[in-house]
Amino acid sequence: MSRTEPSSGSGSQSLFGDITSLFPLVLVLVFVSCALFTVTIGSRVYAGIQEKNDRIFYEDTSVSYIKNKIRQADRAGQISVREMEGTSVLCITDLENSYEDVTYETFIYTRDGWLMELFTSSDSGLTLGDGIPVMECSQAEFEIQTPDAGRPDLRLLQLTLGGRSSVIRLMSTGEGGQP
């Protein structure tokens, strides 16, 4: 007499064997997909932070560059703002290095996403298109203000760059004043 095993027991054991061998595979797939998701999101966040840092760097460096140019030439009658070719232009007139009837000017302005500089004699015929790109920069607007009518010696240069405003106190007065 032989004993026979019930057939239902061996089928359920085979089913559990398949599930237990499939479970680690599913767990690895879930882990890999979570890792890929984390890397993808992390790279997007990093790219956004890097883009913001680059923008802030170029804006801050542009403002520092303009402030340095102003401080180098902040004497009576040398700093002015002009509208040329539909662009706000900071004009620095170099009266010290001018000779005879030739006056030299430095124009600082933005054009096509670049901070531009043009050093020229006032009668050269050069246009803003002839300037040299200094660095990438958003649109800049310049305005000289005299906020207190009782103090004409107080002059401020308002620089708006990329929606942010900076105010630079000009140490010189207007035409004919003393530094």
N, C-alpha and C. Protein backbone atom coordinates (compact mmCIF):
# COMPACT_ATOMS: atom_id res chain seq x y z
N MET A 1 0.81 -1.15 0.00
CA MET A 1 0.00 0.00 0.00
C MET A 1 0.87 1.24 0.00
N SER A 2 0.53 2.03 -0.86
CA SER A 2 1.30 3.26 -0.94
C SER A 2 0.41 4.43 -0.59
N ARG A 3 1.08 5.36 -0.03
CA ARG A 3 0.34 6.56 0.33
C ARG A 3 0.43 7.57 -0.79
N THR A 4 -0.62 8.22 -1.06
CA THR A 4 -0.64 9.25 -2.10
C THR A 4 -0.89 10.59 -1.43
N GLU A 5 -0.15 11.50 -1.89
CA GLU A 5 -0.28 12.87 -1.37
C GLU A 5 -1.43 13.56 -2.09
N PRO A 6 -2.14 14.37 -1.40
CA PRO A 6 -3.18 15.13 -2.09
C PRO A 6 -2.56 16.12 -3.08
N SER A 7 -3.16 16.24 -4.21
CA SER A 7 -2.62 17.09 -5.28
C SER A 7 -2.79 18.57 -4.98
N SER A 8 -3.74 18.93 -4.14
CA SER A 8 -3.97 20.34 -3.86
C SER A 8 -2.81 20.94 -3.08
N GLY A 9 -2.12 20.22 -2.26
CA GLY A 9 -1.03 20.75 -1.44
C GLY A 9 0.16 21.12 -2.29
N SER A 10 0.49 20.35 -3.29
CA SER A 10 1.67 20.65 -4.10
C SER A 10 1.42 21.88 -4.99
N GLY A 11 0.20 22.16 -5.40
CA GLY A 11 -0.12 23.32 -6.22
C GLY A 11 0.04 24.61 -5.44
N SER A 12 -0.38 24.63 -4.21
CA SER A 12 -0.27 25.86 -3.41
C SER A 12 1.17 26.13 -3.04
N GLN A 13 1.94 25.07 -2.86
CA GLN A 13 3.35 25.25 -2.54
C GLN A 13 4.06 25.85 -3.75
N SER A 14 3.70 25.48 -4.94
CA SER A 14 4.30 26.01 -6.16
C SER A 14 3.92 27.48 -6.33
N LEU A 15 2.69 27.85 -6.00
CA LEU A 15 2.25 29.24 -6.11
C LEU A 15 3.03 30.13 -5.16
N PHE A 16 3.24 29.71 -3.91
CA PHE A 16 4.00 30.50 -2.94
C PHE A 16 5.46 30.59 -3.35
N GLY A 17 5.97 29.58 -3.96
CA GLY A 17 7.35 29.60 -4.44
C GLY A 17 7.54 30.66 -5.52
N ASP A 18 6.56 30.81 -6.42
CA ASP A 18 6.64 31.82 -7.47
C ASP A 18 6.55 33.23 -6.88
N ILE A 19 5.68 33.40 -5.90
CA ILE A 19 5.52 34.72 -5.29
C ILE A 19 6.78 35.11 -4.52
N THR A 20 7.34 34.19 -3.78
CA THR A 20 8.54 34.51 -3.01
C THR A 20 9.73 34.78 -3.91
N SER A 21 9.80 34.21 -5.08
CA SER A 21 10.90 34.52 -5.99
C SER A 21 10.62 35.82 -6.76
N LEU A 22 9.37 36.22 -6.91
CA LEU A 22 9.00 37.45 -7.60
C LEU A 22 9.11 38.66 -6.69
N PHE A 23 8.90 38.50 -5.41
CA PHE A 23 8.91 39.61 -4.46
C PHE A 23 10.26 40.37 -4.47
N PRO A 24 11.40 39.75 -4.39
CA PRO A 24 12.66 40.51 -4.45
C PRO A 24 12.84 41.26 -5.76
N LEU A 25 12.38 40.70 -6.86
CA LEU A 25 12.48 41.38 -8.14
C LEU A 25 11.62 42.64 -8.16
N VAL A 26 10.41 42.55 -7.67
CA VAL A 26 9.52 43.72 -7.59
C VAL A 26 10.12 44.77 -6.65
N LEU A 27 10.67 44.33 -5.54
CA LEU A 27 11.28 45.25 -4.58
C LEU A 27 12.47 45.99 -5.22
N VAL A 28 13.29 45.31 -5.98
CA VAL A 28 14.42 45.94 -6.68
C VAL A 28 13.91 46.94 -7.70
N LEU A 29 12.86 46.59 -8.45
CA LEU A 29 12.28 47.51 -9.43
C LEU A 29 11.73 48.76 -8.78
N VAL A 30 11.06 48.62 -7.64
CA VAL A 30 10.54 49.79 -6.92
C VAL A 30 11.71 50.66 -6.44
N PHE A 31 12.75 50.05 -5.92
CA PHE A 31 13.91 50.79 -5.45
C PHE A 31 14.58 51.55 -6.61
N VAL A 32 14.77 50.91 -7.75
CA VAL A 32 15.40 51.54 -8.91
C VAL A 32 14.54 52.69 -9.42
N SER A 33 13.23 52.50 -9.51
CA SER A 33 12.36 53.58 -9.99
C SER A 33 12.36 54.76 -9.02
N CYS A 34 12.40 54.52 -7.72
CA CYS A 34 12.49 55.61 -6.74
C CYS A 34 13.81 56.34 -6.87
N ALA A 35 14.89 55.61 -7.09
CA ALA A 35 16.20 56.22 -7.25
C ALA A 35 16.23 57.09 -8.51
N LEU A 36 15.67 56.61 -9.61
CA LEU A 36 15.63 57.39 -10.84
C LEU A 36 14.78 58.65 -10.67
N PHE A 37 13.65 58.51 -9.99
CA PHE A 37 12.78 59.65 -9.72
C PHE A 37 13.53 60.70 -8.90
N THR A 38 14.24 60.27 -7.87
CA THR A 38 14.99 61.18 -7.01
C THR A 38 16.09 61.90 -7.79
N VAL A 39 16.82 61.17 -8.63
CA VAL A 39 17.88 61.77 -9.42
C VAL A 39 17.31 62.78 -10.42
N THR A 40 16.19 62.44 -11.05
CA THR A 40 15.57 63.34 -12.01
C THR A 40 15.12 64.63 -11.35
N ILE A 41 14.43 64.52 -10.25
CA ILE A 41 13.96 65.72 -9.53
C ILE A 41 15.15 66.51 -9.02
N GLY A 42 16.15 65.85 -8.48
CA GLY A 42 17.34 66.53 -7.97
C GLY A 42 18.08 67.29 -9.04
N SER A 43 18.17 66.73 -10.24
CA SER A 43 18.87 67.42 -11.31
C SER A 43 18.10 68.65 -11.76
N ARG A 44 16.79 68.58 -11.76
CA ARG A 44 15.98 69.76 -12.11
C ARG A 44 16.13 70.86 -11.07
N VAL A 45 16.12 70.51 -9.81
CA VAL A 45 16.31 71.49 -8.74
C VAL A 45 17.69 72.12 -8.85
N TYR A 46 18.71 71.30 -9.08
CA TYR A 46 20.07 71.81 -9.22
C TYR A 46 20.18 72.77 -10.40
N ALA A 47 19.58 72.41 -11.53
CA ALA A 47 19.63 73.29 -12.70
C ALA A 47 18.95 74.62 -12.42
N GLY A 48 17.84 74.60 -11.69
CA GLY A 48 17.16 75.84 -11.33
C GLY A 48 18.00 76.71 -10.41
N ILE A 49 18.64 76.09 -9.44
CA ILE A 49 19.50 76.84 -8.51
C ILE A 49 20.69 77.42 -9.26
N GLN A 50 21.28 76.65 -10.15
CA GLN A 50 22.44 77.12 -10.92
C GLN A 50 22.06 78.29 -11.82
N GLU A 51 20.90 78.21 -12.45
CA GLU A 51 20.43 79.30 -13.31
C GLU A 51 20.21 80.58 -12.51
N LYS A 52 19.61 80.44 -11.33
CA LYS A 52 19.39 81.60 -10.48
C LYS A 52 20.71 82.20 -10.00
N ASN A 53 21.66 81.35 -9.62
CA ASN A 53 22.97 81.85 -9.19
C ASN A 53 23.69 82.58 -10.32
N ASP A 54 23.61 82.05 -11.54
CA ASP A 54 24.24 82.70 -12.67
C ASP A 54 23.63 84.07 -12.92
N ARG A 55 22.30 84.14 -12.86
CA ARG A 55 21.61 85.42 -13.09
C ARG A 55 22.01 86.44 -12.04
N ILE A 56 22.02 86.03 -10.78
CA ILE A 56 22.41 86.94 -9.70
C ILE A 56 23.86 87.35 -9.84
N PHE A 57 24.74 86.42 -10.22
CA PHE A 57 26.15 86.75 -10.41
C PHE A 57 26.32 87.82 -11.47
N TYR A 58 25.67 87.64 -12.63
CA TYR A 58 25.82 88.61 -13.70
C TYR A 58 25.22 89.96 -13.33
N GLU A 59 24.09 89.98 -12.64
CA GLU A 59 23.51 91.25 -12.22
C GLU A 59 24.39 91.95 -11.20
N ASP A 60 24.85 91.23 -10.18
CA ASP A 60 25.70 91.85 -9.16
C ASP A 60 27.03 92.31 -9.75
N THR A 61 27.61 91.52 -10.63
CA THR A 61 28.88 91.90 -11.25
C THR A 61 28.69 93.11 -12.16
N SER A 62 27.57 93.16 -12.86
CA SER A 62 27.28 94.32 -13.72
C SER A 62 27.14 95.59 -12.90
N VAL A 63 26.41 95.51 -11.79
CA VAL A 63 26.24 96.67 -10.92
C VAL A 63 27.59 97.10 -10.35
N SER A 64 28.42 96.16 -9.92
CA SER A 64 29.75 96.49 -9.40
C SER A 64 30.62 97.14 -10.46
N TYR A 65 30.54 96.64 -11.68
CA TYR A 65 31.32 97.20 -12.79
C TYR A 65 30.91 98.66 -13.03
N ILE A 66 29.59 98.91 -13.07
CA ILE A 66 29.09 100.26 -13.32
C ILE A 66 29.47 101.18 -12.16
N LYS A 67 29.33 100.72 -10.92
CA LYS A 67 29.71 101.54 -9.76
C LYS A 67 31.19 101.90 -9.81
N ASN A 68 32.03 100.95 -10.18
CA ASN A 68 33.46 101.20 -10.25
C ASN A 68 33.78 102.24 -11.32
N LYS A 69 33.13 102.14 -12.47
CA LYS A 69 33.34 103.12 -13.54
C LYS A 69 32.92 104.52 -13.08
N ILE A 70 31.82 104.60 -12.35
CA ILE A 70 31.34 105.90 -11.86
C ILE A 70 32.32 106.47 -10.84
N ARG A 71 32.78 105.65 -9.91
CA ARG A 71 33.70 106.13 -8.88
C ARG A 71 35.03 106.60 -9.48
N GLN A 72 35.45 105.98 -10.57
CA GLN A 72 36.70 106.40 -11.21
C GLN A 72 36.57 107.80 -11.83
N ALA A 73 35.39 108.18 -12.23
CA ALA A 73 35.21 109.43 -12.97
C ALA A 73 34.26 110.40 -12.30
N ASP A 74 33.99 110.24 -11.03
CA ASP A 74 32.99 111.07 -10.36
C ASP A 74 33.56 112.45 -10.02
N ARG A 75 33.56 113.29 -11.05
CA ARG A 75 34.00 114.67 -10.90
C ARG A 75 32.93 115.57 -11.53
N ALA A 76 33.00 116.83 -11.21
CA ALA A 76 31.97 117.77 -11.68
C ALA A 76 31.81 117.73 -13.19
N GLY A 77 30.59 117.51 -13.62
CA GLY A 77 30.25 117.57 -15.03
C GLY A 77 30.64 116.36 -15.85
N GLN A 78 31.11 115.30 -15.23
CA GLN A 78 31.57 114.16 -16.00
C GLN A 78 30.57 113.01 -16.08
N ILE A 79 29.58 112.97 -15.22
CA ILE A 79 28.59 111.89 -15.22
C ILE A 79 27.26 112.45 -15.69
N SER A 80 26.70 111.82 -16.72
CA SER A 80 25.38 112.23 -17.20
C SER A 80 24.67 111.00 -17.76
N VAL A 81 23.38 111.17 -17.99
CA VAL A 81 22.57 110.11 -18.59
C VAL A 81 21.94 110.68 -19.85
N ARG A 82 22.03 109.92 -20.92
CA ARG A 82 21.46 110.35 -22.20
C ARG A 82 20.56 109.24 -22.75
N GLU A 83 19.68 109.65 -23.61
CA GLU A 83 18.86 108.72 -24.38
C GLU A 83 19.42 108.72 -25.79
N MET A 84 19.98 107.58 -26.22
CA MET A 84 20.59 107.48 -27.55
C MET A 84 20.03 106.25 -28.25
N GLU A 85 19.56 106.43 -29.45
CA GLU A 85 19.01 105.33 -30.24
C GLU A 85 17.97 104.53 -29.46
N GLY A 86 17.18 105.23 -28.64
CA GLY A 86 16.13 104.59 -27.86
C GLY A 86 16.64 103.80 -26.66
N THR A 87 17.89 104.03 -26.27
CA THR A 87 18.50 103.29 -25.17
C THR A 87 18.98 104.26 -24.11
N SER A 88 18.77 103.90 -22.85
CA SER A 88 19.28 104.69 -21.73
C SER A 88 20.78 104.44 -21.63
N VAL A 89 21.57 105.52 -21.68
CA VAL A 89 23.03 105.41 -21.73
C VAL A 89 23.65 106.24 -20.61
N LEU A 90 24.55 105.61 -19.87
CA LEU A 90 25.34 106.33 -18.88
C LEU A 90 26.55 106.89 -19.62
N CYS A 91 26.73 108.19 -19.56
CA CYS A 91 27.81 108.85 -20.28
C CYS A 91 28.82 109.38 -19.27
N ILE A 92 30.07 108.97 -19.43
CA ILE A 92 31.15 109.45 -18.57
C ILE A 92 32.08 110.24 -19.48
N THR A 93 32.14 111.55 -19.26
CA THR A 93 32.98 112.43 -20.06
C THR A 93 34.34 112.53 -19.40
N ASP A 94 35.39 112.27 -20.15
CA ASP A 94 36.75 112.30 -19.62
C ASP A 94 37.36 113.67 -19.90
N LEU A 95 37.17 114.61 -18.97
CA LEU A 95 37.67 115.97 -19.16
C LEU A 95 39.17 116.06 -18.88
N GLU A 96 39.69 115.17 -18.07
CA GLU A 96 41.11 115.21 -17.72
C GLU A 96 42.00 114.82 -18.89
N ASN A 97 41.58 113.84 -19.68
CA ASN A 97 42.39 113.37 -20.79
C ASN A 97 42.02 114.01 -22.13
N SER A 98 41.12 114.96 -22.09
CA SER A 98 40.75 115.67 -23.31
C SER A 98 41.81 116.73 -23.59
N TYR A 99 42.09 116.95 -24.86
CA TYR A 99 43.06 117.98 -25.22
C TYR A 99 42.55 118.76 -26.40
N GLU A 100 43.00 120.00 -26.48
CA GLU A 100 42.54 120.94 -27.49
C GLU A 100 41.02 120.94 -27.50
N ASP A 101 40.42 120.59 -28.63
CA ASP A 101 38.95 120.59 -28.69
C ASP A 101 38.38 119.18 -28.79
N VAL A 102 39.17 118.17 -28.44
CA VAL A 102 38.71 116.77 -28.51
C VAL A 102 38.31 116.31 -27.11
N THR A 103 37.07 115.88 -26.96
CA THR A 103 36.56 115.38 -25.68
C THR A 103 36.26 113.90 -25.84
N TYR A 104 36.70 113.10 -24.87
CA TYR A 104 36.47 111.66 -24.92
C TYR A 104 35.34 111.29 -23.97
N GLU A 105 34.53 110.33 -24.40
CA GLU A 105 33.39 109.88 -23.60
C GLU A 105 33.36 108.36 -23.56
N THR A 106 32.88 107.85 -22.45
CA THR A 106 32.62 106.41 -22.31
C THR A 106 31.12 106.24 -22.16
N PHE A 107 30.52 105.45 -23.02
CA PHE A 107 29.10 105.15 -22.94
C PHE A 107 28.95 103.74 -22.37
N ILE A 108 28.11 103.60 -21.37
CA ILE A 108 27.79 102.29 -20.79
C ILE A 108 26.29 102.08 -20.96
N TYR A 109 25.91 100.95 -21.53
CA TYR A 109 24.51 100.69 -21.86
C TYR A 109 24.33 99.19 -22.04
N THR A 110 23.08 98.77 -22.21
CA THR A 110 22.80 97.37 -22.49
C THR A 110 22.22 97.25 -23.90
N ARG A 111 22.58 96.13 -24.53
CA ARG A 111 22.10 95.89 -25.89
C ARG A 111 22.09 94.39 -26.14
N ASP A 112 20.97 93.86 -26.56
CA ASP A 112 20.83 92.44 -26.91
C ASP A 112 21.31 91.51 -25.80
N GLY A 113 21.00 91.85 -24.54
CA GLY A 113 21.36 90.99 -23.42
C GLY A 113 22.80 91.12 -22.95
N TRP A 114 23.48 92.17 -23.37
CA TRP A 114 24.88 92.38 -22.99
C TRP A 114 25.07 93.79 -22.43
N LEU A 115 25.92 93.89 -21.41
CA LEU A 115 26.38 95.20 -20.94
C LEU A 115 27.47 95.62 -21.91
N MET A 116 27.33 96.80 -22.48
CA MET A 116 28.24 97.27 -23.53
C MET A 116 28.98 98.52 -23.05
N GLU A 117 30.16 98.72 -23.61
CA GLU A 117 30.94 99.92 -23.33
C GLU A 117 31.52 100.43 -24.64
N LEU A 118 31.44 101.74 -24.81
CA LEU A 118 31.99 102.38 -26.00
C LEU A 118 32.81 103.59 -25.55
N PHE A 119 34.11 103.56 -25.80
CA PHE A 119 34.99 104.68 -25.51
C PHE A 119 35.31 105.36 -26.83
N THR A 120 34.97 106.63 -26.93
CA THR A 120 35.11 107.33 -28.20
C THR A 120 35.27 108.83 -27.99
N SER A 121 35.77 109.50 -29.00
CA SER A 121 35.75 110.96 -28.95
C SER A 121 34.33 111.40 -29.29
N SER A 122 33.96 112.56 -28.80
CA SER A 122 32.56 112.99 -28.95
C SER A 122 32.18 113.24 -30.41
N ASP A 123 33.14 113.47 -31.28
CA ASP A 123 32.82 113.74 -32.68
C ASP A 123 33.23 112.60 -33.61
N SER A 124 33.36 111.39 -33.10
CA SER A 124 33.86 110.26 -33.91
C SER A 124 32.83 109.71 -34.88
N GLY A 125 31.58 109.87 -34.59
CA GLY A 125 30.54 109.32 -35.45
C GLY A 125 30.20 107.87 -35.15
N LEU A 126 30.82 107.27 -34.12
CA LEU A 126 30.51 105.89 -33.74
C LEU A 126 29.12 105.83 -33.12
N THR A 127 28.45 104.71 -33.30
CA THR A 127 27.12 104.51 -32.74
C THR A 127 27.18 103.46 -31.65
N LEU A 128 26.07 103.23 -30.98
CA LEU A 128 26.02 102.24 -29.92
C LEU A 128 26.30 100.84 -30.44
N GLY A 129 26.06 100.60 -31.70
CA GLY A 129 26.35 99.31 -32.30
C GLY A 129 27.84 99.01 -32.37
N ASP A 130 28.67 100.03 -32.19
CA ASP A 130 30.12 99.86 -32.25
C ASP A 130 30.74 99.53 -30.90
N GLY A 131 29.93 99.45 -29.86
CA GLY A 131 30.44 99.18 -28.52
C GLY A 131 30.98 97.77 -28.37
N ILE A 132 31.69 97.58 -27.28
CA ILE A 132 32.31 96.29 -26.97
C ILE A 132 31.48 95.61 -25.88
N PRO A 133 31.09 94.34 -26.07
CA PRO A 133 30.37 93.63 -25.01
C PRO A 133 31.28 93.36 -23.82
N VAL A 134 30.77 93.66 -22.63
CA VAL A 134 31.54 93.46 -21.41
C VAL A 134 31.14 92.15 -20.74
N MET A 135 29.83 91.96 -20.55
CA MET A 135 29.32 90.74 -19.94
C MET A 135 27.83 90.63 -20.20
N GLU A 136 27.30 89.42 -20.04
CA GLU A 136 25.86 89.24 -20.18
C GLU A 136 25.14 90.04 -19.11
N CYS A 137 24.04 90.63 -19.49
CA CYS A 137 23.34 91.51 -18.55
C CYS A 137 21.91 91.73 -19.03
N SER A 138 20.99 91.85 -18.08
CA SER A 138 19.62 92.17 -18.46
C SER A 138 19.52 93.67 -18.73
N GLN A 139 18.37 94.11 -19.15
CA GLN A 139 18.15 95.51 -19.53
C GLN A 139 18.47 96.46 -18.38
N ALA A 140 19.22 97.52 -18.66
CA ALA A 140 19.59 98.52 -17.65
C ALA A 140 18.97 99.87 -18.00
N GLU A 141 18.53 100.56 -16.98
CA GLU A 141 18.00 101.92 -17.12
C GLU A 141 18.75 102.81 -16.14
N PHE A 142 19.13 104.00 -16.59
CA PHE A 142 19.86 104.95 -15.75
C PHE A 142 19.03 106.22 -15.61
N GLU A 143 19.11 106.84 -14.42
CA GLU A 143 18.41 108.11 -14.19
C GLU A 143 19.15 108.87 -13.09
N ILE A 144 19.47 110.14 -13.36
CA ILE A 144 20.08 110.98 -12.33
C ILE A 144 18.97 111.75 -11.65
N GLN A 145 18.99 111.71 -10.31
CA GLN A 145 17.95 112.35 -9.52
C GLN A 145 18.57 113.37 -8.57
N THR A 146 17.83 114.43 -8.31
CA THR A 146 18.16 115.39 -7.27
C THR A 146 16.94 115.41 -6.35
N PRO A 147 16.94 114.53 -5.33
CA PRO A 147 15.72 114.34 -4.55
C PRO A 147 15.33 115.52 -3.66
N ASP A 148 16.30 116.34 -3.27
CA ASP A 148 16.00 117.44 -2.35
C ASP A 148 16.31 118.75 -3.06
N ALA A 149 15.27 119.53 -3.36
CA ALA A 149 15.46 120.79 -4.09
C ALA A 149 16.31 121.76 -3.28
N GLY A 150 16.31 121.65 -1.97
CA GLY A 150 17.12 122.52 -1.12
C GLY A 150 18.60 122.13 -1.12
N ARG A 151 18.90 120.95 -1.66
CA ARG A 151 20.30 120.49 -1.71
C ARG A 151 20.66 120.08 -3.12
N PRO A 152 20.97 121.05 -3.98
CA PRO A 152 21.31 120.70 -5.35
C PRO A 152 22.62 119.93 -5.46
N ASP A 153 23.40 119.92 -4.38
CA ASP A 153 24.67 119.18 -4.40
C ASP A 153 24.46 117.68 -4.21
N LEU A 154 23.26 117.28 -3.78
CA LEU A 154 22.96 115.87 -3.60
C LEU A 154 22.41 115.30 -4.90
N ARG A 155 23.21 114.48 -5.57
CA ARG A 155 22.80 113.85 -6.82
C ARG A 155 22.90 112.35 -6.66
N LEU A 156 21.88 111.66 -7.13
CA LEU A 156 21.84 110.20 -7.07
C LEU A 156 21.68 109.64 -8.47
N LEU A 157 22.37 108.54 -8.73
CA LEU A 157 22.17 107.82 -9.97
C LEU A 157 21.38 106.57 -9.65
N GLN A 158 20.18 106.48 -10.19
CA GLN A 158 19.37 105.28 -10.00
C GLN A 158 19.62 104.35 -11.17
N LEU A 159 20.06 103.14 -10.84
CA LEU A 159 20.35 102.11 -11.83
C LEU A 159 19.34 101.00 -11.64
N THR A 160 18.55 100.73 -12.65
CA THR A 160 17.59 99.63 -12.61
C THR A 160 18.09 98.55 -13.55
N LEU A 161 18.35 97.39 -12.99
CA LEU A 161 18.93 96.29 -13.75
C LEU A 161 18.16 95.02 -13.43
N GLY A 162 17.50 94.48 -14.42
CA GLY A 162 16.75 93.25 -14.23
C GLY A 162 15.63 93.38 -13.22
N GLY A 163 15.01 94.56 -13.14
CA GLY A 163 13.91 94.76 -12.21
C GLY A 163 14.36 95.17 -10.81
N ARG A 164 15.64 95.11 -10.54
CA ARG A 164 16.17 95.52 -9.23
C ARG A 164 16.81 96.89 -9.36
N SER A 165 16.56 97.76 -8.38
CA SER A 165 17.11 99.12 -8.42
C SER A 165 18.24 99.27 -7.42
N SER A 166 19.24 100.01 -7.85
CA SER A 166 20.34 100.40 -6.98
C SER A 166 20.48 101.90 -7.08
N VAL A 167 20.84 102.53 -5.98
CA VAL A 167 21.05 103.98 -5.98
C VAL A 167 22.50 104.23 -5.63
N ILE A 168 23.15 105.03 -6.46
CA ILE A 168 24.55 105.37 -6.26
C ILE A 168 24.62 106.87 -6.01
N ARG A 169 25.21 107.27 -4.89
CA ARG A 169 25.35 108.69 -4.60
C ARG A 169 26.54 109.21 -5.38
N LEU A 170 26.28 110.24 -6.17
CA LEU A 170 27.35 110.88 -6.93
C LEU A 170 28.01 111.91 -6.03
N MET A 171 29.31 111.81 -5.93
CA MET A 171 30.04 112.71 -5.03
C MET A 171 30.19 114.09 -5.66
N SER A 172 30.13 114.18 -6.96
CA SER A 172 30.25 115.47 -7.63
C SER A 172 28.89 116.11 -7.79
N THR A 173 28.91 117.40 -7.94
CA THR A 173 27.67 118.12 -8.23
C THR A 173 27.53 118.21 -9.73
N GLY A 174 26.56 118.94 -10.17
CA GLY A 174 26.33 119.07 -11.62
C GLY A 174 27.38 119.93 -12.28
N GLU A 175 27.06 120.51 -13.40
CA GLU A 175 27.99 121.31 -14.17
C GLU A 175 28.54 122.46 -13.31
N GLY A 176 29.86 122.61 -13.35
CA GLY A 176 30.49 123.74 -12.68
C GLY A 176 30.65 123.62 -11.19
N GLY A 177 30.12 122.54 -10.56
CA GLY A 177 30.26 122.38 -9.12
C GLY A 177 31.59 121.78 -8.75
N GLN A 178 31.84 121.69 -7.49
CA GLN A 178 33.08 121.10 -7.00
C GLN A 178 32.82 119.69 -6.52
N PRO A 179 33.82 118.81 -6.67
CA PRO A 179 33.65 117.43 -6.19
C PRO A 179 33.51 117.36 -4.69
